Amino acid sequence: MRHFAYLFVLAGCLGGALWLEPVLRVGVLRQWRRLLLTLLPVMIVFVLWDLAAIAAGHWTFDPAQTTGVLFPGGLPLDEVLFFAVVPICAILGFEAVRKVLKR
């Protein structure tokens, strides 16, 4: 189970933020094109950053705490998901605050 640790953390983040979509009707997931256009540049920059850090030997991932699914260059699937999940949670939180402050 330890190799799912990273995924469990990401699931916890999503669980803490996804409820904002139906409860507060923030509309983030309904505007999936806009969300995708926001996520893609962030993901590309940070995937390239991680790949450079891995190649230079500055950054590693504990294989005991990741799924073991690796992309070329040694980047774990878990890390790529991190670059999607955390911004989605942040956007949901930001839009929820905007929605509440408008009331």
PDB file of N, CA and C in Angstrom:
ATOM      1  N   MET A   1       0.810  -1.211   0.000  1.00  0.00           N
ATOM      2  CA  MET A   1       0.000   0.000   0.000  1.00  0.00           C
ATOM      3  C   MET A   1       0.850   1.270   0.000  1.00  0.00           C
ATOM      4  N   ARG A   2       2.076   1.144   0.485  1.00  0.00           N
ATOM      5  CA  ARG A   2       2.921   2.332   0.575  1.00  0.00           C
ATOM      6  C   ARG A   2       3.207   2.933  -0.793  1.00  0.00           C
ATOM      7  N   HIS A   3       3.232   2.094  -1.838  1.00  0.00           N
ATOM      8  CA  HIS A   3       3.525   2.618  -3.170  1.00  0.00           C
ATOM      9  C   HIS A   3       2.372   3.448  -3.739  1.00  0.00           C
ATOM     10  N   PHE A   4       1.258   3.486  -3.028  1.00  0.00           N
ATOM     11  CA  PHE A   4       0.138   4.342  -3.424  1.00  0.00           C
ATOM     12  C   PHE A   4       0.079   5.626  -2.591  1.00  0.00           C
ATOM     13  N   ALA A   5       1.096   5.882  -1.777  1.00  0.00           N
ATOM     14  CA  ALA A   5       1.082   7.033  -0.871  1.00  0.00           C
ATOM     15  C   ALA A   5       0.850   8.350  -1.618  1.00  0.00           C
ATOM     16  N   TYR A   6       1.563   8.540  -2.706  1.00  0.00           N
ATOM     17  CA  TYR A   6       1.451   9.775  -3.481  1.00  0.00           C
ATOM     18  C   TYR A   6       0.021   9.923  -4.022  1.00  0.00           C
ATOM     19  N   LEU A   7      -0.520   8.827  -4.543  1.00  0.00           N
ATOM     20  CA  LEU A   7      -1.888   8.862  -5.076  1.00  0.00           C
ATOM     21  C   LEU A   7      -2.913   9.133  -3.982  1.00  0.00           C
ATOM     22  N   PHE A   8      -2.683   8.594  -2.776  1.00  0.00           N
ATOM     23  CA  PHE A   8      -3.605   8.845  -1.666  1.00  0.00           C
ATOM     24  C   PHE A   8      -3.616  10.331  -1.290  1.00  0.00           C
ATOM     25  N   VAL A   9      -2.450  10.948  -1.307  1.00  0.00           N
ATOM     26  CA  VAL A   9      -2.369  12.382  -1.008  1.00  0.00           C
ATOM     27  C   VAL A   9      -3.129  13.182  -2.072  1.00  0.00           C
ATOM     28  N   LEU A  10      -2.936  12.824  -3.330  1.00  0.00           N
ATOM     29  CA  LEU A  10      -3.647  13.513  -4.405  1.00  0.00           C
ATOM     30  C   LEU A  10      -5.158  13.305  -4.299  1.00  0.00           C
ATOM     31  N   ALA A  11      -5.570  12.097  -3.947  1.00  0.00           N
ATOM     32  CA  ALA A  11      -7.002  11.825  -3.758  1.00  0.00           C
ATOM     33  C   ALA A  11      -7.556  12.647  -2.606  1.00  0.00           C
ATOM     34  N   GLY A  12      -6.777  12.802  -1.551  1.00  0.00           N
ATOM     35  CA  GLY A  12      -7.200  13.641  -0.426  1.00  0.00           C
ATOM     36  C   GLY A  12      -7.369  15.100  -0.827  1.00  0.00           C
ATOM     37  N   CYS A  13      -6.447  15.582  -1.639  1.00  0.00           N
ATOM     38  CA  CYS A  13      -6.554  16.962  -2.139  1.00  0.00           C
ATOM     39  C   CYS A  13      -7.825  17.139  -2.969  1.00  0.00           C
ATOM     40  N   LEU A  14      -8.052  16.196  -3.864  1.00  0.00           N
ATOM     41  CA  LEU A  14      -9.262  16.276  -4.698  1.00  0.00           C
ATOM     42  C   LEU A  14     -10.523  16.171  -3.858  1.00  0.00           C
ATOM     43  N   GLY A  15     -10.498  15.267  -2.892  1.00  0.00           N
ATOM     44  CA  GLY A  15     -11.661  15.109  -2.017  1.00  0.00           C
ATOM     45  C   GLY A  15     -11.969  16.369  -1.224  1.00  0.00           C
ATOM     46  N   GLY A  16     -10.919  17.088  -0.866  1.00  0.00           N
ATOM     47  CA  GLY A  16     -11.108  18.324  -0.119  1.00  0.00           C
ATOM     48  C   GLY A  16     -11.582  19.489  -0.965  1.00  0.00           C
ATOM     49  N   ALA A  17     -11.468  19.363  -2.282  1.00  0.00           N
ATOM     50  CA  ALA A  17     -11.815  20.487  -3.158  1.00  0.00           C
ATOM     51  C   ALA A  17     -12.977  20.222  -4.106  1.00  0.00           C
ATOM     52  N   LEU A  18     -13.163  18.989  -4.531  1.00  0.00           N
ATOM     53  CA  LEU A  18     -14.185  18.708  -5.540  1.00  0.00           C
ATOM     54  C   LEU A  18     -15.609  18.994  -5.074  1.00  0.00           C
ATOM     55  N   TRP A  19     -15.849  18.922  -3.772  1.00  0.00           N
ATOM     56  CA  TRP A  19     -17.199  19.185  -3.273  1.00  0.00           C
ATOM     57  C   TRP A  19     -17.627  20.625  -3.550  1.00  0.00           C
ATOM     58  N   LEU A  20     -16.662  21.509  -3.773  1.00  0.00           N
ATOM     59  CA  LEU A  20     -16.978  22.912  -4.041  1.00  0.00           C
ATOM     60  C   LEU A  20     -17.747  23.076  -5.349  1.00  0.00           C
ATOM     61  N   GLU A  21     -17.471  22.189  -6.303  1.00  0.00           N
ATOM     62  CA  GLU A  21     -18.123  22.277  -7.612  1.00  0.00           C
ATOM     63  C   GLU A  21     -19.649  22.132  -7.490  1.00  0.00           C
ATOM     64  N   PRO A  22     -20.160  21.054  -6.905  1.00  0.00           N
ATOM     65  CA  PRO A  22     -21.626  20.928  -6.836  1.00  0.00           C
ATOM     66  C   PRO A  22     -22.264  21.781  -5.746  1.00  0.00           C
ATOM     67  N   VAL A  23     -21.582  21.955  -4.628  1.00  0.00           N
ATOM     68  CA  VAL A  23     -22.197  22.672  -3.504  1.00  0.00           C
ATOM     69  C   VAL A  23     -22.279  24.170  -3.773  1.00  0.00           C
ATOM     70  N   LEU A  24     -21.193  24.750  -4.221  1.00  0.00           N
ATOM     71  CA  LEU A  24     -21.172  26.198  -4.475  1.00  0.00           C
ATOM     72  C   LEU A  24     -21.396  26.539  -5.943  1.00  0.00           C
ATOM     73  N   ARG A  25     -21.473  25.526  -6.780  1.00  0.00           N
ATOM     74  CA  ARG A  25     -21.676  25.713  -8.220  1.00  0.00           C
ATOM     75  C   ARG A  25     -20.665  26.696  -8.818  1.00  0.00           C
ATOM     76  N   VAL A  26     -19.391  26.398  -8.591  1.00  0.00           N
ATOM     77  CA  VAL A  26     -18.345  27.306  -9.072  1.00  0.00           C
ATOM     78  C   VAL A  26     -18.127  27.215 -10.579  1.00  0.00           C
ATOM     79  N   GLY A  27     -18.514  26.110 -11.204  1.00  0.00           N
ATOM     80  CA  GLY A  27     -18.464  26.005 -12.658  1.00  0.00           C
ATOM     81  C   GLY A  27     -17.096  25.743 -13.259  1.00  0.00           C
ATOM     82  N   VAL A  28     -16.136  25.351 -12.447  1.00  0.00           N
ATOM     83  CA  VAL A  28     -14.784  25.115 -12.962  1.00  0.00           C
ATOM     84  C   VAL A  28     -14.764  23.910 -13.903  1.00  0.00           C
ATOM     85  N   LEU A  29     -15.356  22.822 -13.494  1.00  0.00           N
ATOM     86  CA  LEU A  29     -15.309  21.600 -14.302  1.00  0.00           C
ATOM     87  C   LEU A  29     -16.237  21.657 -15.504  1.00  0.00           C
ATOM     88  N   ARG A  30     -17.255  22.487 -15.425  1.00  0.00           N
ATOM     89  CA  ARG A  30     -18.148  22.646 -16.586  1.00  0.00           C
ATOM     90  C   ARG A  30     -17.449  23.386 -17.717  1.00  0.00           C
ATOM     91  N   GLN A  31     -16.494  24.219 -17.373  1.00  0.00           N
ATOM     92  CA  GLN A  31     -15.728  24.967 -18.376  1.00  0.00           C
ATOM     93  C   GLN A  31     -14.413  24.221 -18.638  1.00  0.00           C
ATOM     94  N   TRP A  32     -14.530  22.975 -19.100  1.00  0.00           N
ATOM     95  CA  TRP A  32     -13.372  22.106 -19.214  1.00  0.00           C
ATOM     96  C   TRP A  32     -12.348  22.615 -20.214  1.00  0.00           C
ATOM     97  N   ARG A  33     -12.770  23.289 -21.266  1.00  0.00           N
ATOM     98  CA  ARG A  33     -11.787  23.829 -22.234  1.00  0.00           C
ATOM     99  C   ARG A  33     -10.926  24.900 -21.579  1.00  0.00           C
ATOM    100  N   ARG A  34     -11.583  25.764 -20.829  1.00  0.00           N
ATOM    101  CA  ARG A  34     -10.865  26.833 -20.122  1.00  0.00           C
ATOM    102  C   ARG A  34      -9.901  26.235 -19.095  1.00  0.00           C
ATOM    103  N   LEU A  35     -10.366  25.221 -18.390  1.00  0.00           N
ATOM    104  CA  LEU A  35      -9.525  24.551 -17.402  1.00  0.00           C
ATOM    105  C   LEU A  35      -8.323  23.897 -18.079  1.00  0.00           C
ATOM    106  N   LEU A  36      -8.551  23.247 -19.189  1.00  0.00           N
ATOM    107  CA  LEU A  36      -7.474  22.594 -19.928  1.00  0.00           C
ATOM    108  C   LEU A  36      -6.451  23.608 -20.430  1.00  0.00           C
ATOM    109  N   LEU A  37      -6.921  24.737 -20.929  1.00  0.00           N
ATOM    110  CA  LEU A  37      -6.011  25.785 -21.400  1.00  0.00           C
ATOM    111  C   LEU A  37      -5.202  26.387 -20.250  1.00  0.00           C
ATOM    112  N   THR A  38      -5.742  26.314 -19.055  1.00  0.00           N
ATOM    113  CA  THR A  38      -5.022  26.793 -17.876  1.00  0.00           C
ATOM    114  C   THR A  38      -4.000  25.761 -17.413  1.00  0.00           C
ATOM    115  N   LEU A  39      -4.399  24.493 -17.437  1.00  0.00           N
ATOM    116  CA  LEU A  39      -3.532  23.435 -16.927  1.00  0.00           C
ATOM    117  C   LEU A  39      -2.354  23.104 -17.840  1.00  0.00           C
ATOM    118  N   LEU A  40      -2.589  23.069 -19.134  1.00  0.00           N
ATOM    119  CA  LEU A  40      -1.547  22.613 -20.055  1.00  0.00           C
ATOM    120  C   LEU A  40      -0.226  23.382 -19.946  1.00  0.00           C
ATOM    121  N   PRO A  41      -0.235  24.705 -19.964  1.00  0.00           N
ATOM    122  CA  PRO A  41       1.053  25.409 -19.857  1.00  0.00           C
ATOM    123  C   PRO A  41       1.766  25.119 -18.530  1.00  0.00           C
ATOM    124  N   VAL A  42       0.997  25.058 -17.452  1.00  0.00           N
ATOM    125  CA  VAL A  42       1.576  24.774 -16.135  1.00  0.00           C
ATOM    126  C   VAL A  42       2.202  23.386 -16.131  1.00  0.00           C
ATOM    127  N   MET A  43       1.452  22.423 -16.637  1.00  0.00           N
ATOM    128  CA  MET A  43       1.950  21.049 -16.650  1.00  0.00           C
ATOM    129  C   MET A  43       3.196  20.914 -17.521  1.00  0.00           C
ATOM    130  N   ILE A  44       3.189  21.534 -18.674  1.00  0.00           N
ATOM    131  CA  ILE A  44       4.335  21.442 -19.583  1.00  0.00           C
ATOM    132  C   ILE A  44       5.589  22.022 -18.926  1.00  0.00           C
ATOM    133  N   VAL A  45       5.468  23.203 -18.346  1.00  0.00           N
ATOM    134  CA  VAL A  45       6.625  23.850 -17.715  1.00  0.00           C
ATOM    135  C   VAL A  45       7.174  22.999 -16.579  1.00  0.00           C
ATOM    136  N   PHE A  46       6.296  22.506 -15.713  1.00  0.00           N
ATOM    137  CA  PHE A  46       6.786  21.769 -14.552  1.00  0.00           C
ATOM    138  C   PHE A  46       7.239  20.349 -14.887  1.00  0.00           C
ATOM    139  N   VAL A  47       6.661  19.729 -15.894  1.00  0.00           N
ATOM    140  CA  VAL A  47       7.169  18.422 -16.337  1.00  0.00           C
ATOM    141  C   VAL A  47       8.583  18.598 -16.897  1.00  0.00           C
ATOM    142  N   LEU A  48       8.771  19.618 -17.715  1.00  0.00           N
ATOM    143  CA  LEU A  48      10.114  19.867 -18.257  1.00  0.00           C
ATOM    144  C   LEU A  48      11.103  20.201 -17.141  1.00  0.00           C
ATOM    145  N   TRP A  49      10.660  20.975 -16.175  1.00  0.00           N
ATOM    146  CA  TRP A  49      11.503  21.334 -15.036  1.00  0.00           C
ATOM    147  C   TRP A  49      11.925  20.076 -14.275  1.00  0.00           C
ATOM    148  N   ASP A  50      10.956  19.210 -13.972  1.00  0.00           N
ATOM    149  CA  ASP A  50      11.263  17.971 -13.258  1.00  0.00           C
ATOM    150  C   ASP A  50      12.200  17.075 -14.067  1.00  0.00           C
ATOM    151  N   LEU A  51      11.943  16.958 -15.367  1.00  0.00           N
ATOM    152  CA  LEU A  51      12.805  16.131 -16.204  1.00  0.00           C
ATOM    153  C   LEU A  51      14.242  16.649 -16.195  1.00  0.00           C
ATOM    154  N   ALA A  52      14.399  17.959 -16.239  1.00  0.00           N
ATOM    155  CA  ALA A  52      15.743  18.546 -16.189  1.00  0.00           C
ATOM    156  C   ALA A  52      16.400  18.271 -14.837  1.00  0.00           C
ATOM    157  N   ALA A  53      15.646  18.386 -13.764  1.00  0.00           N
ATOM    158  CA  ALA A  53      16.187  18.137 -12.424  1.00  0.00           C
ATOM    159  C   ALA A  53      16.547  16.666 -12.235  1.00  0.00           C
ATOM    160  N   ILE A  54      15.724  15.774 -12.776  1.00  0.00           N
ATOM    161  CA  ILE A  54      16.025  14.340 -12.704  1.00  0.00           C
ATOM    162  C   ILE A  54      17.289  14.032 -13.501  1.00  0.00           C
ATOM    163  N   ALA A  55      17.370  14.571 -14.709  1.00  0.00           N
ATOM    164  CA  ALA A  55      18.537  14.322 -15.572  1.00  0.00           C
ATOM    165  C   ALA A  55      19.823  14.853 -14.941  1.00  0.00           C
ATOM    166  N   ALA A  56      19.730  15.967 -14.227  1.00  0.00           N
ATOM    167  CA  ALA A  56      20.910  16.554 -13.590  1.00  0.00           C
ATOM    168  C   ALA A  56      21.249  15.874 -12.264  1.00  0.00           C
ATOM    169  N   GLY A  57      20.382  14.982 -11.812  1.00  0.00           N
ATOM    170  CA  GLY A  57      20.631  14.298 -10.547  1.00  0.00           C
ATOM    171  C   GLY A  57      20.245  15.101  -9.324  1.00  0.00           C
ATOM    172  N   HIS A  58      19.481  16.181  -9.503  1.00  0.00           N
ATOM    173  CA  HIS A  58      19.066  17.024  -8.387  1.00  0.00           C
ATOM    174  C   HIS A  58      17.766  16.569  -7.743  1.00  0.00           C
ATOM    175  N   TRP A  59      17.035  15.698  -8.409  1.00  0.00           N
ATOM    176  CA  TRP A  59      15.687  15.357  -7.964  1.00  0.00           C
ATOM    177  C   TRP A  59      15.455  13.874  -8.193  1.00  0.00           C
ATOM    178  N   THR A  60      14.893  13.219  -7.198  1.00  0.00           N
ATOM    179  CA  THR A  60      14.549  11.803  -7.341  1.00  0.00           C
ATOM    180  C   THR A  60      13.188  11.558  -6.698  1.00  0.00           C
ATOM    181  N   PHE A  61      12.642  10.399  -6.974  1.00  0.00           N
ATOM    182  CA  PHE A  61      11.371   9.988  -6.388  1.00  0.00           C
ATOM    183  C   PHE A  61      11.568   8.636  -5.729  1.00  0.00           C
ATOM    184  N   ASP A  62      10.993   8.467  -4.560  1.00  0.00           N
ATOM    185  CA  ASP A  62      11.095   7.212  -3.832  1.00  0.00           C
ATOM    186  C   ASP A  62      10.194   6.178  -4.492  1.00  0.00           C
ATOM    187  N   PRO A  63      10.765   5.168  -5.122  1.00  0.00           N
ATOM    188  CA  PRO A  63       9.939   4.175  -5.809  1.00  0.00           C
ATOM    189  C   PRO A  63       9.020   3.418  -4.864  1.00  0.00           C
ATOM    190  N   ALA A  64       9.337   3.405  -3.580  1.00  0.00           N
ATOM    191  CA  ALA A  64       8.480   2.721  -2.609  1.00  0.00           C
ATOM    192  C   ALA A  64       7.186   3.488  -2.357  1.00  0.00           C
ATOM    193  N   GLN A  65       7.157   4.771  -2.729  1.00  0.00           N
ATOM    194  CA  GLN A  65       5.974   5.585  -2.454  1.00  0.00           C
ATOM    195  C   GLN A  65       5.254   6.039  -3.713  1.00  0.00           C
ATOM    196  N   THR A  66       5.688   5.558  -4.845  1.00  0.00           N
ATOM    197  CA  THR A  66       5.019   5.883  -6.104  1.00  0.00           C
ATOM    198  C   THR A  66       4.560   4.588  -6.762  1.00  0.00           C
ATOM    199  N   THR A  67       3.705   4.710  -7.741  1.00  0.00           N
ATOM    200  CA  THR A  67       3.118   3.531  -8.378  1.00  0.00           C
ATOM    201  C   THR A  67       4.128   2.706  -9.168  1.00  0.00           C
ATOM    202  N   GLY A  68       5.223   3.310  -9.564  1.00  0.00           N
ATOM    203  CA  GLY A  68       6.209   2.605 -10.369  1.00  0.00           C
ATOM    204  C   GLY A  68       6.001   2.804 -11.867  1.00  0.00           C
ATOM    205  N   VAL A  69       4.912   3.481 -12.232  1.00  0.00           N
ATOM    206  CA  VAL A  69       4.660   3.793 -13.638  1.00  0.00           C
ATOM    207  C   VAL A  69       5.492   5.029 -13.973  1.00  0.00           C
ATOM    208  N   LEU A  70       6.443   4.849 -14.871  1.00  0.00           N
ATOM    209  CA  LEU A  70       7.371   5.936 -15.210  1.00  0.00           C
ATOM    210  C   LEU A  70       7.228   6.334 -16.671  1.00  0.00           C
ATOM    211  N   PHE A  71       7.300   7.632 -16.905  1.00  0.00           N
ATOM    212  CA  PHE A  71       7.362   8.160 -18.258  1.00  0.00           C
ATOM    213  C   PHE A  71       8.833   8.216 -18.668  1.00  0.00           C
ATOM    214  N   PRO A  72       9.108   8.370 -19.948  1.00  0.00           N
ATOM    215  CA  PRO A  72      10.508   8.506 -20.368  1.00  0.00           C
ATOM    216  C   PRO A  72      11.188   9.643 -19.601  1.00  0.00           C
ATOM    217  N   GLY A  73      12.402   9.403 -19.200  1.00  0.00           N
ATOM    218  CA  GLY A  73      13.130  10.383 -18.411  1.00  0.00           C
ATOM    219  C   GLY A  73      13.023  10.111 -16.923  1.00  0.00           C
ATOM    220  N   GLY A  74      12.216   9.110 -16.537  1.00  0.00           N
ATOM    221  CA  GLY A  74      12.110   8.741 -15.131  1.00  0.00           C
ATOM    222  C   GLY A  74      11.052   9.484 -14.337  1.00  0.00           C
ATOM    223  N   LEU A  75      10.172  10.190 -15.010  1.00  0.00           N
ATOM    224  CA  LEU A  75       9.129  10.948 -14.319  1.00  0.00           C
ATOM    225  C   LEU A  75       7.956  10.027 -13.991  1.00  0.00           C
ATOM    226  N   PRO A  76       7.624   9.895 -12.693  1.00  0.00           N
ATOM    227  CA  PRO A  76       6.520   9.016 -12.318  1.00  0.00           C
ATOM    228  C   PRO A  76       5.150   9.597 -12.707  1.00  0.00           C
ATOM    229  N   LEU A  77       4.236   8.713 -13.017  1.00  0.00           N
ATOM    230  CA  LEU A  77       2.861   9.098 -13.304  1.00  0.00           C
ATOM    231  C   LEU A  77       2.293   9.936 -12.161  1.00  0.00           C
ATOM    232  N   ASP A  78       2.625   9.579 -10.941  1.00  0.00           N
ATOM    233  CA  ASP A  78       2.125  10.285  -9.758  1.00  0.00           C
ATOM    234  C   ASP A  78       2.478  11.774  -9.808  1.00  0.00           C
ATOM    235  N   GLU A  79       3.692  12.078 -10.243  1.00  0.00           N
ATOM    236  CA  GLU A  79       4.146  13.470 -10.307  1.00  0.00           C
ATOM    237  C   GLU A  79       3.409  14.237 -11.397  1.00  0.00           C
ATOM    238  N   VAL A  80       3.173  13.589 -12.524  1.00  0.00           N
ATOM    239  CA  VAL A  80       2.421  14.238 -13.602  1.00  0.00           C
ATOM    240  C   VAL A  80       1.001  14.537 -13.121  1.00  0.00           C
ATOM    241  N   LEU A  81       0.403  13.602 -12.416  1.00  0.00           N
ATOM    242  CA  LEU A  81      -0.935  13.833 -11.859  1.00  0.00           C
ATOM    243  C   LEU A  81      -0.925  14.980 -10.855  1.00  0.00           C
ATOM    244  N   PHE A  82       0.154  15.097 -10.089  1.00  0.00           N
ATOM    245  CA  PHE A  82       0.297  16.203  -9.142  1.00  0.00           C
ATOM    246  C   PHE A  82       0.173  17.546  -9.852  1.00  0.00           C
ATOM    247  N   PHE A  83       0.782  17.638 -11.037  1.00  0.00           N
ATOM    248  CA  PHE A  83       0.749  18.895 -11.784  1.00  0.00           C
ATOM    249  C   PHE A  83      -0.626  19.217 -12.336  1.00  0.00           C
ATOM    250  N   ALA A  84      -1.525  18.272 -12.342  1.00  0.00           N
ATOM    251  CA  ALA A  84      -2.914  18.521 -12.734  1.00  0.00           C
ATOM    252  C   ALA A  84      -3.800  18.720 -11.500  1.00  0.00           C
ATOM    253  N   VAL A  85      -3.632  17.858 -10.516  1.00  0.00           N
ATOM    254  CA  VAL A  85      -4.529  17.862  -9.349  1.00  0.00           C
ATOM    255  C   VAL A  85      -4.383  19.129  -8.516  1.00  0.00           C
ATOM    256  N   VAL A  86      -3.171  19.512  -8.201  1.00  0.00           N
ATOM    257  CA  VAL A  86      -2.972  20.672  -7.332  1.00  0.00           C
ATOM    258  C   VAL A  86      -3.501  21.965  -7.966  1.00  0.00           C
ATOM    259  N   PRO A  87      -3.223  22.240  -9.238  1.00  0.00           N
ATOM    260  CA  PRO A  87      -3.835  23.431  -9.835  1.00  0.00           C
ATOM    261  C   PRO A  87      -5.364  23.367  -9.888  1.00  0.00           C
ATOM    262  N   ILE A  88      -5.923  22.184 -10.152  1.00  0.00           N
ATOM    263  CA  ILE A  88      -7.384  22.068 -10.160  1.00  0.00           C
ATOM    264  C   ILE A  88      -7.945  22.401  -8.785  1.00  0.00           C
ATOM    265  N   CYS A  89      -7.318  21.883  -7.747  1.00  0.00           N
ATOM    266  CA  CYS A  89      -7.773  22.176  -6.381  1.00  0.00           C
ATOM    267  C   CYS A  89      -7.642  23.668  -6.065  1.00  0.00           C
ATOM    268  N   ALA A  90      -6.551  24.271  -6.507  1.00  0.00           N
ATOM    269  CA  ALA A  90      -6.345  25.701  -6.268  1.00  0.00           C
ATOM    270  C   ALA A  90      -7.394  26.538  -7.000  1.00  0.00           C
ATOM    271  N   ILE A  91      -7.673  26.179  -8.236  1.00  0.00           N
ATOM    272  CA  ILE A  91      -8.673  26.917  -9.015  1.00  0.00           C
ATOM    273  C   ILE A  91     -10.053  26.761  -8.395  1.00  0.00           C
ATOM    274  N   LEU A  92     -10.390  25.545  -7.976  1.00  0.00           N
ATOM    275  CA  LEU A  92     -11.682  25.330  -7.309  1.00  0.00           C
ATOM    276  C   LEU A  92     -11.779  26.183  -6.043  1.00  0.00           C
ATOM    277  N   GLY A  93     -10.713  26.215  -5.263  1.00  0.00           N
ATOM    278  CA  GLY A  93     -10.711  27.029  -4.045  1.00  0.00           C
ATOM    279  C   GLY A  93     -10.836  28.514  -4.348  1.00  0.00           C
ATOM    280  N   PHE A  94     -10.093  28.973  -5.338  1.00  0.00           N
ATOM    281  CA  PHE A  94     -10.143  30.385  -5.728  1.00  0.00           C
ATOM    282  C   PHE A  94     -11.544  30.781  -6.190  1.00  0.00           C
ATOM    283  N   GLU A  95     -12.126  29.954  -7.052  1.00  0.00           N
ATOM    284  CA  GLU A  95     -13.466  30.268  -7.566  1.00  0.00           C
ATOM    285  C   GLU A  95     -14.519  30.179  -6.469  1.00  0.00           C
ATOM    286  N   ALA A  96     -14.321  29.289  -5.512  1.00  0.00           N
ATOM    287  CA  ALA A  96     -15.255  29.192  -4.387  1.00  0.00           C
ATOM    288  C   ALA A  96     -15.200  30.467  -3.532  1.00  0.00           C
ATOM    289  N   VAL A  97     -14.015  30.972  -3.301  1.00  0.00           N
ATOM    290  CA  VAL A  97     -13.870  32.212  -2.525  1.00  0.00           C
ATOM    291  C   VAL A  97     -14.518  33.366  -3.286  1.00  0.00           C
ATOM    292  N   ARG A  98     -14.272  33.438  -4.592  1.00  0.00           N
ATOM    293  CA  ARG A  98     -14.917  34.494  -5.399  1.00  0.00           C
ATOM    294  C   ARG A  98     -16.438  34.402  -5.314  1.00  0.00           C
ATOM    295  N   LYS A  99     -16.959  33.201  -5.396  1.00  0.00           N
ATOM    296  CA  LYS A  99     -18.398  32.998  -5.370  1.00  0.00           C
ATOM    297  C   LYS A  99     -18.980  33.431  -4.027  1.00  0.00           C
ATOM    298  N   VAL A 100     -18.324  33.066  -2.947  1.00  0.00           N
ATOM    299  CA  VAL A 100     -18.812  33.411  -1.613  1.00  0.00           C
ATOM    300  C   VAL A 100     -18.712  34.915  -1.382  1.00  0.00           C
ATOM    301  N   LEU A 101     -17.639  35.545  -1.828  1.00  0.00           N
ATOM    302  CA  LEU A 101     -17.478  36.979  -1.621  1.00  0.00           C
ATOM    303  C   LEU A 101     -18.470  37.808  -2.442  1.00  0.00           C
ATOM    304  N   LYS A 102     -18.969  37.259  -3.540  1.00  0.00           N
ATOM    305  CA  LYS A 102     -19.965  37.969  -4.351  1.00  0.00           C
ATOM    306  C   LYS A 102     -21.308  38.030  -3.643  1.00  0.00           C
ATOM    307  N   ARG A 103     -21.566  37.089  -2.757  1.00  0.00           N
ATOM    308  CA  ARG A 103     -22.863  37.036  -2.065  1.00  0.00           C
ATOM    309  C   ARG A 103     -23.032  38.130  -1.084  1.00  0.00           C
TER     310      ARG A 103
END
